Amino acid sequence: MLGETGTFLHFVFFKKLTYLAPMNQEKSTQELLFQTIKQRLPSNLSFVHDISELLGISYDSAYRRIRGEKELSLEEIRTICLHYKVSLDALMGVESNSVVFNSRAIGQDNFTLEMWLSGILAEMKRLKESKDKEIIYAAKDIPVFHLFQFPEIAAFKFYFWHKALFPIREDEDMQFSLDITENVYSIGYQMLSLYNTVPVCELWNEETFTSITRQIEYCYVSGFFASKADALNLCDVLEKMIRHLQRQAERGFLFLYGQPEDGLPGNYRLYFNEVLLSDNTIYTNVDGNAGTFMTYNIINLLITTNPSFCEQIRNNLQILMTKSTLISGTSAKERNRFFHLMQDKVRILRTRIE
């Protein structure tokens, strides 16, 4: 995740701070910098090795910098902040109206859908390994994790994304196939398995599910299905997905389709908002470190760990929850109404295809 790396003046200010503040008082900016990086690294990676390789120094020199015995140079600070995507402004408490985002755009710099999924998987592993964790997902479309409960749905979404993101390709006339590469599905299934173990709050509205029915109808009318049977098969699978989502909402926790219904009650909260969801926004909190993921151009991601921005997003999502209906756990009447509405949409789609 990217943050603001700060200006050259901030670097100079940082250098002055390390001279003026004794190491035995409050944590210096250098200590906070390394602490922040440690919290973001997977537990299986050697932090000392990473710093040693990045700065081209010995392990002993890396240890001395990490322990605060050796001050970082301005160039070293710049290198570390850029490499680990750390906001120096945030560490120093510098107030700014500017927010820097990291962009993960499919097709840019050979960035593939598989790499996009791998990035999400890495974030989920970091969440899984943390002690305190939270996800709030305002879903304009079905959250990507749920797609991998059903290989057919995942295969269709990948086909549709390729059509939308890469409209001019050698295989642009290729019709839809239920095949999805084993590696892609493996990554997606791992994402799903980890997502099911994290406390999750999702906010849906009617359009969250409607988008996929419209996409299926569009592809059918456009002749992208090899046969009508393939389109009708997707309708069957969508109905299974709805029943599984409804069961998860009823139980109040997520679990894998076809597996024992096992999970921590209250770990999954699903809200229905009748009006206000305009985009896909994901807020995460990992041991006190907040992050925000926002989509643009279908599934491309903008990512920031800017504390002020993340806090604003969390507050906005909390307000949105108060204007929504909780349909997981209790509220059986509202939950049934919501999922019956989803089933009706599939029946209408099936009628149009037939």
Protein backbone atom coordinates (compact mmCIF):
# COMPACT_ATOMS: atom_id res chain seq x y z
CA MET A 1 0.00 0.00 0.00
CA LEU A 2 1.23 3.48 -0.81
CA GLY A 3 1.33 6.50 1.42
CA GLU A 4 2.78 9.97 1.04
CA THR A 5 6.57 9.81 0.94
CA GLY A 6 6.85 13.47 1.80
CA THR A 7 8.86 16.29 0.33
CA PHE A 8 12.57 16.99 0.58
CA LEU A 9 11.84 19.53 3.31
CA HIS A 10 10.19 16.77 5.34
CA PHE A 11 13.35 14.72 5.00
CA VAL A 12 15.41 17.63 6.27
CA PHE A 13 13.00 18.10 9.16
CA PHE A 14 13.26 14.38 9.96
CA LYS A 15 17.05 14.64 10.07
CA LYS A 16 16.84 17.52 12.51
CA LEU A 17 14.50 15.53 14.70
CA THR A 18 16.94 12.66 15.05
CA TYR A 19 19.65 15.08 16.16
CA LEU A 20 17.43 16.92 18.65
CA ALA A 21 15.52 14.02 20.24
CA PRO A 22 17.46 11.63 22.47
CA MET A 23 16.85 7.99 21.73
CA ASN A 24 15.70 7.18 25.28
CA GLN A 25 12.68 9.52 25.09
CA GLU A 26 9.56 8.98 22.98
CA LYS A 27 10.03 6.87 19.88
CA SER A 28 11.90 8.74 17.19
CA THR A 29 10.56 9.00 13.66
CA GLN A 30 13.20 6.49 12.59
CA GLU A 31 11.92 3.94 15.13
CA LEU A 32 8.32 4.56 14.06
CA LEU A 33 9.32 4.12 10.43
CA PHE A 34 10.83 0.68 11.05
CA GLN A 35 7.96 -0.30 13.35
CA THR A 36 5.45 0.55 10.63
CA ILE A 37 7.34 -1.51 8.05
CA LYS A 38 7.61 -4.53 10.37
CA GLN A 39 3.86 -4.54 10.90
CA ARG A 40 3.26 -4.71 7.15
CA LEU A 41 5.74 -7.45 6.28
CA PRO A 42 4.63 -11.10 6.18
CA SER A 43 5.96 -13.00 9.18
CA ASN A 44 7.95 -15.39 6.96
CA LEU A 45 10.17 -12.59 5.58
CA SER A 46 13.40 -11.46 7.24
CA PHE A 47 13.17 -7.73 7.91
CA VAL A 48 16.93 -7.38 8.43
CA HIS A 49 17.63 -9.19 5.16
CA ASP A 50 15.16 -6.93 3.34
CA ILE A 51 16.79 -3.74 4.66
CA SER A 52 20.27 -5.09 3.99
CA GLU A 53 19.42 -5.93 0.37
CA LEU A 54 17.52 -2.68 -0.21
CA LEU A 55 20.25 -0.38 1.09
CA GLY A 56 23.20 -2.50 -0.02
CA ILE A 57 24.64 -2.75 3.49
CA SER A 58 25.69 -5.57 5.82
CA TYR A 59 23.38 -7.29 8.27
CA ASP A 60 25.23 -5.60 11.13
CA SER A 61 24.69 -2.16 9.58
CA ALA A 62 21.03 -2.97 9.01
CA TYR A 63 20.62 -4.03 12.65
CA ARG A 64 22.24 -0.80 13.84
CA ARG A 65 19.81 1.30 11.82
CA ILE A 66 16.79 -0.72 12.94
CA ARG A 67 17.83 -0.41 16.61
CA GLY A 68 18.36 3.34 16.21
CA GLU A 69 22.11 3.19 16.87
CA LYS A 70 22.86 4.54 13.39
CA GLU A 71 20.91 7.42 11.84
CA LEU A 72 19.48 6.94 8.38
CA SER A 73 20.72 9.25 5.65
CA LEU A 74 18.25 11.31 3.63
CA GLU A 75 18.76 9.05 0.63
CA GLU A 76 18.19 5.95 2.75
CA ILE A 77 14.94 7.40 4.11
CA ARG A 78 13.78 8.15 0.60
CA THR A 79 14.68 4.65 -0.62
CA ILE A 80 12.92 2.95 2.29
CA CYS A 81 9.75 5.06 2.08
CA LEU A 82 9.41 4.51 -1.66
CA HIS A 83 10.14 0.79 -1.48
CA TYR A 84 7.80 0.01 1.42
CA LYS A 85 5.27 2.65 0.42
CA VAL A 86 5.27 4.38 3.79
CA SER A 87 3.84 7.84 4.47
CA LEU A 88 6.55 9.92 6.13
CA ASP A 89 4.06 12.78 6.50
CA ALA A 90 1.79 10.50 8.54
CA LEU A 91 4.64 9.31 10.77
CA MET A 92 5.62 12.90 11.52
CA GLY A 93 2.04 14.06 12.05
CA VAL A 94 2.19 16.50 9.13
CA GLU A 95 -1.35 17.63 8.24
CA SER A 96 -2.06 17.73 4.53
CA ASN A 97 -5.10 17.85 2.28
CA SER A 98 -3.26 15.75 -0.28
CA VAL A 99 -3.74 11.98 -0.32
CA VAL A 100 -1.41 9.75 -2.29
CA PHE A 101 -2.79 6.48 -3.69
CA ASN A 102 -1.12 3.42 -5.11
CA SER A 103 -2.78 2.30 -8.35
CA ARG A 104 -3.17 -1.34 -9.35
CA ALA A 105 -4.42 -1.09 -12.91
CA ILE A 106 -4.98 -4.19 -15.04
CA GLY A 107 -2.95 -4.03 -18.26
CA GLN A 108 -0.65 -1.27 -17.03
CA ASP A 109 3.03 -2.25 -16.93
CA ASN A 110 2.04 -5.86 -17.73
CA PHE A 111 -0.06 -6.03 -14.56
CA THR A 112 -2.38 -9.03 -15.02
CA LEU A 113 -5.60 -10.21 -13.41
CA GLU A 114 -3.64 -13.02 -11.79
CA MET A 115 -1.23 -10.49 -10.28
CA TRP A 116 -4.22 -8.44 -9.13
CA LEU A 117 -5.61 -11.46 -7.31
CA SER A 118 -2.20 -12.31 -5.84
CA GLY A 119 -2.00 -8.79 -4.37
CA ILE A 120 -5.38 -9.24 -2.68
CA LEU A 121 -4.28 -12.66 -1.39
CA ALA A 122 -1.18 -11.09 0.18
CA GLU A 123 -3.37 -8.54 1.97
CA MET A 124 -5.66 -11.30 3.24
CA LYS A 125 -2.68 -13.25 4.60
CA ARG A 126 -1.55 -10.14 6.46
CA LEU A 127 -5.03 -9.77 7.93
CA LYS A 128 -5.12 -13.42 8.94
CA GLU A 129 -1.78 -13.16 10.77
CA SER A 130 -2.79 -10.03 12.71
CA LYS A 131 -4.31 -10.03 16.18
CA ASP A 132 -6.91 -7.26 15.70
CA LYS A 133 -8.53 -7.12 12.28
CA GLU A 134 -11.58 -5.72 10.57
CA ILE A 135 -13.01 -5.40 7.06
CA ILE A 136 -15.85 -3.10 6.05
CA TYR A 137 -16.89 -3.67 2.42
CA ALA A 138 -19.35 -1.33 0.71
CA ALA A 139 -20.24 -3.48 -2.29
CA LYS A 140 -21.53 -2.03 -5.52
CA ASP A 141 -20.83 -5.46 -7.06
CA ILE A 142 -20.73 -8.89 -5.45
CA PRO A 143 -17.53 -8.94 -3.36
CA VAL A 144 -14.84 -10.70 -5.36
CA PHE A 145 -14.24 -13.26 -2.59
CA HIS A 146 -17.74 -14.73 -2.91
CA LEU A 147 -17.22 -15.42 -6.62
CA PHE A 148 -14.82 -18.25 -5.83
CA GLN A 149 -17.47 -20.23 -3.96
CA PHE A 150 -18.62 -21.23 -7.44
CA PRO A 151 -16.05 -21.82 -10.24
CA GLU A 152 -18.64 -21.12 -12.94
CA ILE A 153 -19.33 -17.62 -11.60
CA ALA A 154 -15.61 -16.89 -11.20
CA ALA A 155 -15.00 -18.05 -14.79
CA PHE A 156 -17.77 -15.79 -16.11
CA LYS A 157 -16.56 -12.73 -14.21
CA PHE A 158 -13.03 -13.25 -15.47
CA TYR A 159 -14.35 -13.57 -19.02
CA PHE A 160 -16.41 -10.40 -18.62
CA TRP A 161 -13.53 -8.45 -17.07
CA HIS A 162 -11.27 -9.41 -19.97
CA LYS A 163 -13.94 -8.27 -22.42
CA ALA A 164 -14.32 -4.95 -20.61
CA LEU A 165 -10.66 -4.26 -19.80
CA PHE A 166 -9.06 -5.60 -22.97
CA PRO A 167 -11.59 -4.87 -25.73
CA ILE A 168 -9.04 -5.21 -28.54
CA ARG A 169 -7.26 -8.55 -28.38
CA GLU A 170 -6.41 -11.41 -30.69
CA ASP A 171 -9.02 -13.55 -28.95
CA GLU A 172 -11.69 -10.83 -28.70
CA ASP A 173 -14.18 -13.02 -30.58
CA MET A 174 -13.65 -15.98 -28.23
CA GLN A 175 -16.90 -17.21 -26.71
CA PHE A 176 -17.45 -17.78 -23.02
CA SER A 177 -16.04 -20.97 -21.54
CA LEU A 178 -16.49 -22.36 -18.05
CA ASP A 179 -12.78 -23.08 -17.93
CA ILE A 180 -10.64 -21.05 -15.53
CA THR A 181 -6.94 -21.67 -15.07
CA GLU A 182 -6.09 -23.83 -12.08
CA ASN A 183 -3.65 -21.27 -10.66
CA VAL A 184 -6.15 -18.40 -10.85
CA TYR A 185 -8.86 -20.44 -9.14
CA SER A 186 -6.39 -21.63 -6.50
CA ILE A 187 -5.45 -18.03 -5.66
CA GLY A 188 -9.12 -17.03 -5.53
CA TYR A 189 -10.08 -19.96 -3.32
CA GLN A 190 -7.27 -19.14 -0.90
CA MET A 191 -8.53 -15.53 -0.79
CA LEU A 192 -12.03 -16.78 -0.02
CA SER A 193 -10.85 -19.18 2.69
CA LEU A 194 -8.97 -16.39 4.47
CA TYR A 195 -11.82 -13.90 4.04
CA ASN A 196 -14.14 -16.34 5.78
CA THR A 197 -12.01 -16.19 8.95
CA VAL A 198 -11.89 -12.38 9.30
CA PRO A 199 -14.58 -10.22 10.98
CA VAL A 200 -16.41 -8.79 7.98
CA CYS A 201 -19.13 -6.19 7.56
CA GLU A 202 -20.66 -5.94 4.06
CA LEU A 203 -23.08 -3.31 2.82
CA TRP A 204 -25.20 -4.34 -0.17
CA ASN A 205 -28.04 -2.80 -2.09
CA GLU A 206 -30.23 -4.05 -4.92
CA GLU A 207 -27.65 -3.13 -7.56
CA THR A 208 -24.96 -5.24 -5.88
CA PHE A 209 -26.50 -8.38 -7.35
CA THR A 210 -28.24 -6.82 -10.35
CA SER A 211 -24.93 -6.03 -12.05
CA ILE A 212 -24.04 -9.68 -12.68
CA THR A 213 -27.49 -10.51 -14.11
CA ARG A 214 -27.13 -7.58 -16.50
CA GLN A 215 -23.66 -8.75 -17.52
CA ILE A 216 -24.90 -12.27 -18.25
CA GLU A 217 -27.81 -10.93 -20.31
CA TYR A 218 -25.49 -8.58 -22.21
CA CYS A 219 -23.10 -11.42 -23.07
CA TYR A 220 -25.98 -13.67 -24.15
CA VAL A 221 -27.58 -11.04 -26.40
CA SER A 222 -24.13 -10.23 -27.84
CA GLY A 223 -23.57 -13.86 -28.82
CA PHE A 224 -20.70 -14.44 -26.40
CA PHE A 225 -22.17 -17.74 -25.15
CA ALA A 226 -21.53 -20.86 -27.24
CA SER A 227 -25.02 -22.08 -26.39
CA LYS A 228 -28.16 -21.08 -24.53
CA ALA A 229 -27.48 -23.94 -22.13
CA ASP A 230 -24.32 -22.23 -20.86
CA ALA A 231 -26.25 -19.07 -20.00
CA LEU A 232 -29.02 -21.06 -18.30
CA ASN A 233 -26.40 -23.01 -16.35
CA LEU A 234 -25.12 -19.72 -14.92
CA CYS A 235 -28.68 -18.93 -13.80
CA ASP A 236 -28.75 -22.25 -11.92
CA VAL A 237 -25.44 -21.46 -10.22
CA LEU A 238 -26.58 -17.94 -9.32
CA GLU A 239 -29.55 -19.43 -7.51
CA LYS A 240 -27.18 -21.67 -5.53
CA MET A 241 -25.06 -18.62 -4.70
CA ILE A 242 -28.09 -16.72 -3.42
CA ARG A 243 -29.15 -19.61 -1.19
CA HIS A 244 -25.62 -19.93 0.19
CA LEU A 245 -25.33 -16.18 0.85
CA GLN A 246 -28.70 -16.24 2.57
CA ARG A 247 -27.64 -19.15 4.77
CA GLN A 248 -24.42 -17.37 5.74
CA ALA A 249 -26.36 -14.23 6.62
CA GLU A 250 -28.77 -16.33 8.69
CA ARG A 251 -25.95 -18.02 10.61
CA GLY A 252 -23.98 -14.77 11.05
CA PHE A 253 -20.68 -16.18 9.79
CA LEU A 254 -19.06 -17.16 6.49
CA PHE A 255 -18.27 -20.73 5.48
CA LEU A 256 -17.33 -22.62 2.33
CA TYR A 257 -20.09 -23.92 0.07
CA GLY A 258 -20.62 -27.64 0.46
CA GLN A 259 -18.58 -27.73 3.69
CA PRO A 260 -19.76 -28.01 7.31
CA GLU A 261 -21.36 -24.82 8.59
CA ASP A 262 -18.58 -23.84 10.93
CA GLY A 263 -17.57 -20.34 11.97
CA LEU A 264 -17.57 -17.71 14.72
CA PRO A 265 -21.12 -16.36 15.28
CA GLY A 266 -21.33 -12.64 14.64
CA ASN A 267 -18.21 -12.67 12.44
CA TYR A 268 -20.29 -11.70 9.38
CA ARG A 269 -22.62 -8.72 9.36
CA LEU A 270 -24.62 -8.00 6.22
CA TYR A 271 -26.46 -4.70 5.76
CA PHE A 272 -29.01 -3.81 3.11
CA ASN A 273 -29.09 -0.19 1.98
CA GLU A 274 -31.90 0.72 -0.38
CA VAL A 275 -30.32 3.85 -1.83
CA LEU A 276 -26.79 4.94 -1.12
CA LEU A 277 -24.03 2.64 -2.49
CA SER A 278 -22.21 4.32 -5.39
CA ASP A 279 -18.90 2.44 -5.59
CA ASN A 280 -16.85 -0.44 -4.21
CA THR A 281 -15.00 0.74 -1.11
CA ILE A 282 -13.10 -1.51 1.28
CA TYR A 283 -11.79 -0.34 4.64
CA THR A 284 -9.37 -2.57 6.54
CA ASN A 285 -7.84 -2.32 9.97
CA VAL A 286 -4.82 -4.50 10.76
CA ASP A 287 -3.57 -4.14 14.33
CA GLY A 288 -4.40 -0.44 14.28
CA ASN A 289 -3.04 0.19 10.75
CA ALA A 290 -5.88 1.35 8.50
CA GLY A 291 -6.09 0.97 4.74
CA THR A 292 -8.62 1.94 2.08
CA PHE A 293 -9.17 0.20 -1.26
CA MET A 294 -11.37 1.84 -3.88
CA THR A 295 -12.17 0.56 -7.38
CA TYR A 296 -12.16 2.51 -10.63
CA ASN A 297 -12.58 1.42 -14.26
CA ILE A 298 -14.43 -1.74 -13.15
CA ILE A 299 -11.88 -3.50 -10.90
CA ASN A 300 -8.70 -1.41 -10.91
CA LEU A 301 -7.68 -0.44 -7.38
CA LEU A 302 -6.67 2.79 -5.69
CA ILE A 303 -5.02 2.09 -2.33
CA THR A 304 -3.97 4.38 0.51
CA THR A 305 -2.98 4.13 4.16
CA ASN A 306 -3.32 7.86 4.77
CA PRO A 307 -4.65 7.92 8.38
CA SER A 308 -6.92 10.95 8.00
CA PHE A 309 -8.46 9.68 4.78
CA CYS A 310 -8.96 6.16 6.17
CA GLU A 311 -10.61 7.54 9.29
CA GLN A 312 -12.92 9.63 7.12
CA ILE A 313 -13.86 6.56 5.08
CA ARG A 314 -14.52 4.51 8.21
CA ASN A 315 -16.72 7.25 9.67
CA ASN A 316 -18.68 7.52 6.41
CA LEU A 317 -19.20 3.76 6.30
CA GLN A 318 -20.35 3.75 9.92
CA ILE A 319 -22.90 6.44 9.09
CA LEU A 320 -24.01 4.39 6.09
CA MET A 321 -24.61 1.41 8.38
CA THR A 322 -26.95 3.48 10.56
CA LYS A 323 -29.00 4.24 7.44
CA SER A 324 -29.09 0.55 6.44
CA THR A 325 -30.91 -2.55 7.68
CA LEU A 326 -28.90 -5.32 9.34
CA ILE A 327 -30.13 -8.54 7.69
CA SER A 328 -27.69 -11.03 9.18
CA GLY A 329 -28.32 -12.91 12.41
CA THR A 330 -31.76 -11.59 13.33
CA SER A 331 -34.17 -9.64 11.07
CA ALA A 332 -35.39 -12.79 9.28
CA LYS A 333 -38.26 -10.94 7.59
CA GLU A 334 -36.01 -8.30 6.03
CA ARG A 335 -33.38 -10.89 5.11
CA ASN A 336 -35.92 -13.11 3.35
CA ARG A 337 -37.34 -10.12 1.49
CA PHE A 338 -33.89 -9.12 0.26
CA PHE A 339 -32.89 -12.57 -0.97
CA HIS A 340 -36.30 -13.24 -2.54
CA LEU A 341 -35.71 -10.06 -4.53
CA MET A 342 -32.39 -11.52 -5.73
CA GLN A 343 -34.08 -14.79 -6.73
CA ASP A 344 -36.70 -12.84 -8.67
CA LYS A 345 -33.95 -11.15 -10.66
CA VAL A 346 -32.53 -14.53 -11.68
CA ARG A 347 -35.97 -15.79 -12.68
CA ILE A 348 -36.48 -12.72 -14.86
CA LEU A 349 -33.05 -13.29 -16.45
CA ARG A 350 -33.88 -16.95 -17.11
CA THR A 351 -37.16 -15.96 -18.78
CA ARG A 352 -35.37 -13.51 -21.09
CA ILE A 353 -32.82 -16.14 -22.11
CA GLU A 354 -35.42 -18.86 -22.71
